[in-house]
């Protein structure tokens, strides 16, 4: 038979209390929150939202590609190389 003193019994009660509170919060969150992250609202009116996606034209894509500056990667490290050589 396990003998507990007053302090360990109080600690056990505290741990059980925290576990019960955590489980209660988890159950409430599961019941009242949709998987999408917003709370459930039962307004009685069902509205379906269709997503619209703006597709960029090929002209926009070509402009974006031409706007990207491509440089030689070895030139990016020239300052670092000179710093290392000065050590």
C-alpha atoms as a PDB file:
ATOM      1  CA  UNK A   1       0.000   0.000   0.000  1.00  0.00           C
ATOM      2  CA  UNK A   2       1.327   3.406  -0.992  1.00  0.00           C
ATOM      3  CA  UNK A   3       1.463   5.951   1.805  1.00  0.00           C
ATOM      4  CA  UNK A   4       1.217   9.629   0.780  1.00  0.00           C
ATOM      5  CA  UNK A   5       1.907  12.599   2.947  1.00  0.00           C
ATOM      6  CA  UNK A   6      -0.090  15.831   2.782  1.00  0.00           C
ATOM      7  CA  UNK A   7       2.164  17.577   0.237  1.00  0.00           C
ATOM      8  CA  UNK A   8       2.160  14.778  -2.340  1.00  0.00           C
ATOM      9  CA  UNK A   9      -1.599  14.383  -2.011  1.00  0.00           C
ATOM     10  CA  UNK A  10      -2.103  18.110  -2.642  1.00  0.00           C
ATOM     11  CA  UNK A  11       0.252  17.961  -5.620  1.00  0.00           C
ATOM     12  CA  UNK A  12      -1.670  15.012  -7.075  1.00  0.00           C
ATOM     13  CA  UNK A  13      -4.939  16.897  -6.708  1.00  0.00           C
ATOM     14  CA  UNK A  14      -3.410  19.916  -8.440  1.00  0.00           C
ATOM     15  CA  UNK A  15      -2.186  17.800 -11.358  1.00  0.00           C
ATOM     16  CA  UNK A  16      -5.593  16.149 -11.723  1.00  0.00           C
ATOM     17  CA  UNK A  17      -7.262  19.575 -11.657  1.00  0.00           C
ATOM     18  CA  UNK A  18      -4.988  20.876 -14.438  1.00  0.00           C
ATOM     19  CA  UNK A  19      -5.635  17.772 -16.542  1.00  0.00           C
ATOM     20  CA  UNK A  20      -9.405  18.116 -16.117  1.00  0.00           C
ATOM     21  CA  UNK A  21      -9.277  21.821 -17.073  1.00  0.00           C
ATOM     22  CA  UNK A  22      -7.121  21.049 -20.133  1.00  0.00           C
ATOM     23  CA  UNK A  23      -9.487  18.286 -21.299  1.00  0.00           C
ATOM     24  CA  UNK A  24     -12.508  20.554 -20.809  1.00  0.00           C
ATOM     25  CA  UNK A  25     -10.928  23.317 -22.887  1.00  0.00           C
ATOM     26  CA  UNK A  26      -9.963  20.824 -25.598  1.00  0.00           C
ATOM     27  CA  UNK A  27     -13.511  19.423 -25.755  1.00  0.00           C
ATOM     28  CA  UNK A  28     -15.037  22.912 -25.948  1.00  0.00           C
ATOM     29  CA  UNK A  29     -12.622  23.919 -28.692  1.00  0.00           C
ATOM     30  CA  UNK A  30     -13.413  20.754 -30.651  1.00  0.00           C
ATOM     31  CA  UNK A  31     -17.170  21.256 -30.343  1.00  0.00           C
ATOM     32  CA  UNK A  32     -17.390  24.985 -31.005  1.00  0.00           C
ATOM     33  CA  UNK A  33     -14.722  25.556 -33.654  1.00  0.00           C
ATOM     34  CA  UNK A  34     -14.887  24.447 -37.268  1.00  0.00           C
ATOM     35  CA  UNK A  35     -11.837  22.830 -38.903  1.00  0.00           C
ATOM     36  CA  UNK A  36     -11.384  26.062 -40.884  1.00  0.00           C
ATOM     37  CA  UNK A  37     -10.597  27.919 -37.690  1.00  0.00           C
ATOM     38  CA  UNK A  38     -13.647  30.154 -37.408  1.00  0.00           C
ATOM     39  CA  UNK A  39     -16.467  29.568 -34.898  1.00  0.00           C
ATOM     40  CA  UNK A  40     -19.622  27.859 -36.105  1.00  0.00           C
ATOM     41  CA  UNK A  41     -22.495  30.206 -36.831  1.00  0.00           C
ATOM     42  CA  UNK A  42     -25.935  28.802 -37.508  1.00  0.00           C
ATOM     43  CA  UNK A  43     -27.712  31.712 -39.163  1.00  0.00           C
ATOM     44  CA  UNK A  44     -30.143  29.504 -41.025  1.00  0.00           C
ATOM     45  CA  UNK A  45     -29.057  30.911 -44.393  1.00  0.00           C
ATOM     46  CA  UNK A  46     -26.676  28.821 -46.433  1.00  0.00           C
ATOM     47  CA  UNK A  47     -24.384  30.758 -48.753  1.00  0.00           C
ATOM     48  CA  UNK A  48     -21.808  29.037 -50.853  1.00  0.00           C
ATOM     49  CA  UNK A  49     -18.747  31.079 -51.722  1.00  0.00           C
ATOM     50  CA  UNK A  50     -16.914  30.249 -54.904  1.00  0.00           C
ATOM     51  CA  UNK A  51     -13.235  31.210 -54.924  1.00  0.00           C
ATOM     52  CA  UNK A  52     -11.963  33.332 -57.793  1.00  0.00           C
ATOM     53  CA  UNK A  53      -8.332  33.215 -58.758  1.00  0.00           C
ATOM     54  CA  UNK A  54      -6.699  35.893 -60.875  1.00  0.00           C
ATOM     55  CA  UNK A  55      -4.501  34.202 -63.457  1.00  0.00           C
ATOM     56  CA  UNK A  56      -1.664  36.419 -64.687  1.00  0.00           C
ATOM     57  CA  UNK A  57      -1.292  36.788 -68.421  1.00  0.00           C
ATOM     58  CA  UNK A  58       1.810  35.592 -70.240  1.00  0.00           C
ATOM     59  CA  UNK A  59       2.807  39.220 -70.868  1.00  0.00           C
ATOM     60  CA  UNK A  60       2.887  39.879 -67.116  1.00  0.00           C
ATOM     61  CA  UNK A  61       4.982  36.781 -66.544  1.00  0.00           C
ATOM     62  CA  UNK A  62       7.477  37.803 -69.227  1.00  0.00           C
ATOM     63  CA  UNK A  63       7.798  41.286 -67.689  1.00  0.00           C
ATOM     64  CA  UNK A  64       8.458  39.737 -64.296  1.00  0.00           C
ATOM     65  CA  UNK A  65      11.099  37.422 -65.740  1.00  0.00           C
ATOM     66  CA  UNK A  66      12.849  40.274 -67.522  1.00  0.00           C
ATOM     67  CA  UNK A  67      12.802  42.364 -64.339  1.00  0.00           C
ATOM     68  CA  UNK A  68      14.874  39.769 -62.460  1.00  0.00           C
ATOM     69  CA  UNK A  69      18.542  40.709 -62.457  1.00  0.00           C
ATOM     70  CA  UNK A  70      20.740  37.658 -62.844  1.00  0.00           C
ATOM     71  CA  UNK A  71      24.358  38.157 -61.809  1.00  0.00           C
ATOM     72  CA  UNK A  72      27.389  35.924 -61.615  1.00  0.00           C
ATOM     73  CA  UNK A  73      27.366  34.219 -58.199  1.00  0.00           C
ATOM     74  CA  UNK A  74      31.169  34.401 -57.905  1.00  0.00           C
ATOM     75  CA  UNK A  75      31.017  38.207 -58.092  1.00  0.00           C
ATOM     76  CA  UNK A  76      28.767  38.226 -55.024  1.00  0.00           C
ATOM     77  CA  UNK A  77      31.604  36.817 -52.934  1.00  0.00           C
ATOM     78  CA  UNK A  78      34.395  39.090 -54.155  1.00  0.00           C
ATOM     79  CA  UNK A  79      34.071  41.369 -51.118  1.00  0.00           C
ATOM     80  CA  UNK A  80      34.096  38.387 -48.772  1.00  0.00           C
ATOM     81  CA  UNK A  81      37.151  36.958 -50.530  1.00  0.00           C
ATOM     82  CA  UNK A  82      39.050  40.210 -50.157  1.00  0.00           C
ATOM     83  CA  UNK A  83      38.140  40.334 -46.449  1.00  0.00           C
ATOM     84  CA  UNK A  84      39.371  36.779 -45.951  1.00  0.00           C
ATOM     85  CA  UNK A  85      42.628  37.505 -47.783  1.00  0.00           C
ATOM     86  CA  UNK A  86      43.236  40.545 -45.559  1.00  0.00           C
ATOM     87  CA  UNK A  87      43.161  38.307 -42.476  1.00  0.00           C
END
